[in-house]
Amino acid sequence: MYVCICNVVTEDDVHGCLADGCTTAKEVKAACGFKPGCGMCTKRLHSMVSEYRTATELADALTGGPLPLAAVPETPAAPQIVPDATEGGTAPQTAA
């Protein structure tokens, strides 16, 4: 759906700008290339920015805030079960 018909800016365009780090309507207008027009989009744009910020704050509150990226540690390999021919059973042994 179009947010601004004068500048042909869609909701996806605005959401993309918000996801890329824009935090205010003024920043979104600059990133999306809004030029002065009829002004009918201003209220909708401010609502979208407000909804995005509220959702982000809620997600951060629920998860304890944005977490830095970290490498996932490797888990050690589990010992392989190899049949033990001398006792007729199985014993855990590590593969060489």
Protein backbone atom coordinates (compact mmCIF):
# COMPACT_ATOMS: atom_id res chain seq x y z
CA MET A 1 0.00 0.00 0.00
CA TYR A 2 1.19 3.50 -0.75
CA VAL A 3 2.13 5.80 2.10
CA CYS A 4 2.81 8.73 -0.21
CA ILE A 5 1.23 8.89 -3.62
CA CYS A 6 3.00 12.14 -4.57
CA ASN A 7 6.43 10.53 -4.12
CA VAL A 8 5.39 6.94 -4.90
CA VAL A 9 6.61 5.60 -1.54
CA THR A 10 5.15 2.31 -0.29
CA GLU A 11 4.87 0.84 3.19
CA ASP A 12 7.63 -1.62 2.24
CA ASP A 13 9.91 1.33 1.41
CA VAL A 14 9.24 2.90 4.82
CA HIS A 15 9.69 -0.43 6.67
CA GLY A 16 12.98 -0.93 4.83
CA CYS A 17 14.23 2.49 5.93
CA LEU A 18 13.21 1.78 9.51
CA ALA A 19 14.97 -1.60 9.44
CA ASP A 20 18.10 0.10 8.06
CA GLY A 21 18.27 2.38 11.11
CA CYS A 22 16.07 5.39 10.48
CA THR A 23 14.43 6.34 13.78
CA THR A 24 12.41 9.46 12.98
CA ALA A 25 9.94 10.51 10.31
CA LYS A 26 12.44 13.14 9.16
CA GLU A 27 15.12 10.48 8.62
CA VAL A 28 12.65 8.25 6.75
CA LYS A 29 11.63 11.17 4.52
CA ALA A 30 15.26 11.85 3.66
CA ALA A 31 16.08 8.17 3.06
CA CYS A 32 12.98 7.52 0.92
CA GLY A 33 13.38 10.73 -1.09
CA PHE A 34 10.20 12.48 0.04
CA LYS A 35 9.75 15.90 -1.56
CA PRO A 36 7.14 18.45 -0.47
CA GLY A 37 3.73 17.53 -1.83
CA CYS A 38 0.17 17.53 -0.57
CA GLY A 39 1.15 16.43 2.98
CA MET A 40 -1.47 13.68 3.26
CA CYS A 41 1.25 11.13 4.05
CA THR A 42 2.62 12.90 7.12
CA LYS A 43 0.17 11.48 9.64
CA ARG A 44 0.51 7.92 8.27
CA LEU A 45 4.31 8.17 8.22
CA HIS A 46 4.44 9.37 11.84
CA SER A 47 2.11 6.50 12.84
CA MET A 48 4.32 3.93 11.11
CA VAL A 49 7.47 5.27 12.79
CA SER A 50 5.73 5.28 16.17
CA GLU A 51 4.45 1.70 15.72
CA TYR A 52 7.91 0.50 14.68
CA ARG A 53 9.59 2.16 17.66
CA THR A 54 6.98 0.74 20.07
CA ALA A 55 7.40 -2.76 18.63
CA THR A 56 11.20 -2.49 18.85
CA GLU A 57 11.05 -1.29 22.46
CA LEU A 58 8.66 -4.10 23.37
CA ALA A 59 10.88 -6.72 21.72
CA ASP A 60 13.91 -5.34 23.56
CA ALA A 61 12.03 -5.37 26.87
CA LEU A 62 10.94 -8.98 26.38
CA THR A 63 14.34 -10.22 25.30
CA GLY A 64 16.50 -8.11 27.57
CA GLY A 65 17.63 -5.75 24.85
CA PRO A 66 19.43 -6.19 21.59
CA LEU A 67 22.17 -8.77 21.90
CA PRO A 68 25.57 -8.47 20.22
CA LEU A 69 26.39 -11.07 17.62
CA ALA A 70 28.64 -13.83 18.89
CA ALA A 71 30.06 -17.01 17.41
CA VAL A 72 28.28 -20.20 18.38
CA PRO A 73 30.69 -22.48 20.25
CA GLU A 74 31.29 -25.90 18.78
CA THR A 75 30.09 -28.82 20.87
CA PRO A 76 32.55 -31.67 21.36
CA ALA A 77 31.78 -34.86 19.46
CA ALA A 78 30.06 -37.56 21.49
CA PRO A 79 32.03 -40.79 21.99
CA GLN A 80 31.20 -43.47 19.45
CA ILE A 81 29.89 -46.86 20.62
CA VAL A 82 32.06 -49.60 19.16
CA PRO A 83 31.38 -53.30 19.77
CA ASP A 84 33.87 -54.88 22.17
CA ALA A 85 34.75 -58.29 20.75
CA THR A 86 36.56 -59.57 23.86
CA GLU A 87 33.62 -59.29 26.26
CA GLY A 88 30.76 -59.66 23.80
CA GLY A 89 29.27 -56.29 24.75
CA THR A 90 29.68 -52.68 23.78
CA ALA A 91 31.95 -50.11 25.32
CA PRO A 92 32.29 -46.42 24.59
CA GLN A 93 35.49 -45.71 22.73
CA THR A 94 36.70 -42.65 21.00
CA ALA A 95 37.41 -42.93 17.33
CA ALA A 96 41.00 -42.26 16.31
